[in-house]
């Protein structure tokens, strides 16, 4: 598969286990990645790209859905995130949750969808590292994954529910996520529970 470098792109590079936009990134570097058998244009050629809107929008909804779940679990159980992954329409998140109360799966689904219906606004801002890390509980992962050399930190705030350091794309309000189903809660060792979700519509 051939590829060439680009000076800039609007495509997403992929962070926090969120898939990158296909065909236009190689890690953090913008790239034009040709389909098998397609030739690359000569160096210096102007090219135009287009976002796969349905895929990007679905990933944004899933990502915000994970943040809603993270906020609910932290609020109700005090648990931090130990891992996660997402694909268009489905996702999973791992929590340091040694024990879960009876009815956890159904109660969590109900709580997530209550926050979806609440139509909470989602704000983003960028703060100097020191200011961001001074916010209580701004890191919702068990391990701080922000490199030491990052001078500014982007904050995503689901107003009234969840505020955390985050680099990914989101919808503008929780209602845009749509209905969420908690499909499975798995035991991943003594300290961890894996929660799988999917978008219903």
Protein backbone atom coordinates (compact mmCIF):
# COMPACT_ATOMS: atom_id res chain seq x y z
CA UNK A 1 0.00 0.00 0.00
CA UNK A 2 1.53 3.30 -1.12
CA UNK A 3 1.48 6.46 0.96
CA UNK A 4 2.74 10.02 0.86
CA UNK A 5 3.00 12.85 3.36
CA UNK A 6 0.56 15.76 3.61
CA UNK A 7 1.17 19.20 5.19
CA UNK A 8 -2.22 19.17 6.93
CA UNK A 9 -5.50 17.27 7.18
CA UNK A 10 -8.83 17.52 8.99
CA UNK A 11 -8.80 13.78 9.56
CA UNK A 12 -8.63 12.44 13.08
CA UNK A 13 -5.39 10.82 14.20
CA UNK A 14 -6.89 8.50 16.79
CA UNK A 15 -6.58 8.90 20.56
CA UNK A 16 -7.96 7.12 23.62
CA UNK A 17 -8.62 3.92 21.68
CA UNK A 18 -10.69 5.82 19.15
CA UNK A 19 -10.06 4.71 15.56
CA UNK A 20 -8.31 7.15 13.27
CA UNK A 21 -9.86 8.36 10.02
CA UNK A 22 -8.94 5.81 7.35
CA UNK A 23 -6.66 6.68 4.46
CA UNK A 24 -5.26 9.96 5.73
CA UNK A 25 -3.06 9.49 8.79
CA UNK A 26 0.06 7.61 9.77
CA UNK A 27 0.21 8.01 13.53
CA UNK A 28 0.30 11.74 14.29
CA UNK A 29 1.51 12.64 10.79
CA UNK A 30 -0.93 13.58 8.01
CA UNK A 31 -0.58 11.12 5.15
CA UNK A 32 -2.26 10.17 1.89
CA UNK A 33 -2.63 6.40 1.94
CA UNK A 34 -3.66 5.05 -1.43
CA UNK A 35 -5.93 2.06 -1.96
CA UNK A 36 -4.23 -1.08 -3.20
CA UNK A 37 -3.36 -0.59 -6.87
CA UNK A 38 -4.04 3.17 -6.92
CA UNK A 39 -1.05 5.36 -7.85
CA UNK A 40 0.05 8.26 -5.67
CA UNK A 41 -0.05 11.70 -7.31
CA UNK A 42 3.29 13.43 -7.96
CA UNK A 43 4.89 15.40 -5.11
CA UNK A 44 3.43 18.91 -4.96
CA UNK A 45 0.01 17.93 -6.29
CA UNK A 46 -2.94 19.56 -4.51
CA UNK A 47 -5.39 16.99 -3.19
CA UNK A 48 -8.82 17.34 -1.60
CA UNK A 49 -10.13 15.06 1.11
CA UNK A 50 -13.59 14.34 2.46
CA UNK A 51 -14.60 13.06 5.87
CA UNK A 52 -16.72 9.90 6.03
CA UNK A 53 -19.47 11.79 7.80
CA UNK A 54 -21.60 8.84 8.91
CA UNK A 55 -18.61 6.99 10.36
CA UNK A 56 -17.19 10.09 12.07
CA UNK A 57 -20.59 11.05 13.51
CA UNK A 58 -21.20 7.54 14.83
CA UNK A 59 -17.79 7.48 16.50
CA UNK A 60 -18.49 10.88 18.07
CA UNK A 61 -21.77 9.55 19.49
CA UNK A 62 -20.07 6.43 20.83
CA UNK A 63 -17.23 8.45 22.35
CA UNK A 64 -19.63 10.77 24.16
CA UNK A 65 -21.61 7.72 25.27
CA UNK A 66 -18.45 6.35 26.89
CA UNK A 67 -17.89 9.66 28.67
CA UNK A 68 -21.47 9.57 29.96
CA UNK A 69 -20.91 6.04 31.25
CA UNK A 70 -17.59 7.07 32.78
CA UNK A 71 -19.27 10.00 34.54
CA UNK A 72 -22.11 7.85 35.85
CA UNK A 73 -19.82 5.09 37.13
CA UNK A 74 -17.47 7.60 38.78
CA UNK A 75 -20.40 9.47 40.36
CA UNK A 76 -22.20 6.36 41.61
CA UNK A 77 -19.33 3.91 42.24
CA UNK A 78 -16.19 6.06 42.47
CA UNK A 79 -14.46 3.81 39.94
CA UNK A 80 -11.70 4.89 37.54
CA UNK A 81 -11.14 3.68 33.99
CA UNK A 82 -8.46 1.06 33.34
CA UNK A 83 -8.95 0.58 29.60
CA UNK A 84 -11.29 0.99 26.68
CA UNK A 85 -11.90 0.64 22.98
CA UNK A 86 -14.48 1.82 20.47
CA UNK A 87 -15.69 1.11 16.97
CA UNK A 88 -18.55 2.70 15.04
CA UNK A 89 -21.67 1.85 17.05
CA UNK A 90 -20.06 -0.24 19.79
CA UNK A 91 -17.55 0.22 22.59
CA UNK A 92 -16.25 -1.17 25.84
CA UNK A 93 -14.76 0.40 28.96
CA UNK A 94 -12.93 -1.27 31.84
CA UNK A 95 -13.28 -0.02 35.41
CA UNK A 96 -11.39 -0.73 38.64
CA UNK A 97 -14.58 -2.08 40.15
CA UNK A 98 -13.94 -5.16 42.34
CA UNK A 99 -17.62 -5.57 43.21
CA UNK A 100 -20.81 -4.57 41.47
CA UNK A 101 -24.16 -4.19 43.24
CA UNK A 102 -27.15 -6.34 42.27
CA UNK A 103 -28.87 -5.04 39.15
CA UNK A 104 -25.76 -3.08 38.11
CA UNK A 105 -26.16 -3.71 34.36
CA UNK A 106 -29.77 -2.55 34.14
CA UNK A 107 -29.30 0.34 36.56
CA UNK A 108 -26.26 1.57 34.63
CA UNK A 109 -28.13 1.46 31.32
CA UNK A 110 -31.03 3.39 32.87
CA UNK A 111 -28.67 6.00 34.35
CA UNK A 112 -26.79 6.46 31.05
CA UNK A 113 -30.01 7.00 29.12
CA UNK A 114 -31.31 9.41 31.76
CA UNK A 115 -28.22 11.54 31.08
CA UNK A 116 -28.81 11.23 27.33
CA UNK A 117 -32.37 12.50 27.79
CA UNK A 118 -31.13 15.32 30.05
CA UNK A 119 -29.64 16.95 26.92
CA UNK A 120 -26.55 18.15 28.77
CA UNK A 121 -24.37 20.62 26.89
CA UNK A 122 -20.83 19.50 26.07
CA UNK A 123 -18.14 22.16 26.26
CA UNK A 124 -14.44 21.99 25.41
CA UNK A 125 -11.58 24.24 26.42
CA UNK A 126 -7.80 24.16 26.51
CA UNK A 127 -5.95 25.01 29.71
CA UNK A 128 -2.29 25.29 30.69
CA UNK A 129 -1.18 21.94 32.08
CA UNK A 130 -0.81 23.21 35.64
CA UNK A 131 -4.31 24.74 35.67
CA UNK A 132 -5.90 21.64 34.17
CA UNK A 133 -4.27 19.23 36.60
CA UNK A 134 -5.37 21.42 39.52
CA UNK A 135 -9.02 20.55 38.75
CA UNK A 136 -10.15 17.77 41.13
CA UNK A 137 -10.62 14.36 39.47
CA UNK A 138 -9.78 15.70 36.00
CA UNK A 139 -7.92 12.46 35.22
CA UNK A 140 -10.49 9.66 35.12
CA UNK A 141 -8.09 6.88 34.18
CA UNK A 142 -6.35 4.85 36.87
CA UNK A 143 -3.00 5.75 35.25
CA UNK A 144 -2.26 9.32 34.12
CA UNK A 145 -1.72 8.90 30.37
CA UNK A 146 -0.84 12.53 29.59
CA UNK A 147 2.84 12.81 28.59
CA UNK A 148 4.96 15.03 30.81
CA UNK A 149 5.99 17.24 27.86
CA UNK A 150 2.41 18.28 26.97
CA UNK A 151 2.11 21.97 27.97
CA UNK A 152 -1.66 22.35 27.43
CA UNK A 153 -4.53 20.00 28.14
CA UNK A 154 -7.89 19.89 26.45
CA UNK A 155 -10.87 19.53 28.78
CA UNK A 156 -14.21 18.04 27.75
CA UNK A 157 -17.05 18.99 30.07
CA UNK A 158 -20.44 17.26 29.99
CA UNK A 159 -21.93 20.08 32.00
CA UNK A 160 -23.18 18.90 35.37
CA UNK A 161 -22.00 15.29 34.95
CA UNK A 162 -18.44 14.70 33.83
CA UNK A 163 -15.34 16.82 33.29
CA UNK A 164 -12.07 15.27 32.20
CA UNK A 165 -8.93 15.61 30.12
CA UNK A 166 -9.68 14.33 26.64
CA UNK A 167 -8.38 14.71 23.10
CA UNK A 168 -11.16 13.18 21.02
CA UNK A 169 -14.19 14.35 19.06
CA UNK A 170 -17.66 14.61 20.63
CA UNK A 171 -21.22 15.58 19.82
CA UNK A 172 -22.56 18.92 21.10
CA UNK A 173 -25.02 17.56 23.68
CA UNK A 174 -25.83 14.25 25.31
CA UNK A 175 -29.17 13.96 23.50
CA UNK A 176 -27.29 13.56 20.22
CA UNK A 177 -25.87 10.24 21.44
CA UNK A 178 -29.26 8.54 21.22
CA UNK A 179 -30.33 5.46 23.16
CA UNK A 180 -27.53 3.33 24.60
CA UNK A 181 -27.75 -0.37 25.49
CA UNK A 182 -25.41 -1.97 28.02
CA UNK A 183 -24.94 -5.32 26.31
CA UNK A 184 -22.63 -7.08 28.77
CA UNK A 185 -20.72 -6.71 32.03
CA UNK A 186 -17.68 -9.01 32.21
CA UNK A 187 -15.35 -9.99 35.03
CA UNK A 188 -11.76 -9.20 33.98
CA UNK A 189 -9.93 -10.23 37.12
CA UNK A 190 -10.36 -9.48 40.81
CA UNK A 191 -10.30 -5.71 40.38
CA UNK A 192 -11.77 -5.05 36.93
CA UNK A 193 -15.15 -5.08 35.24
CA UNK A 194 -15.56 -4.63 31.49
CA UNK A 195 -18.76 -2.93 30.36
CA UNK A 196 -19.82 -3.23 26.73
CA UNK A 197 -22.28 -0.79 25.13
CA UNK A 198 -23.86 -0.21 21.75
CA UNK A 199 -25.90 2.53 20.14
CA UNK A 200 -29.47 1.35 19.65
CA UNK A 201 -30.36 3.68 16.77
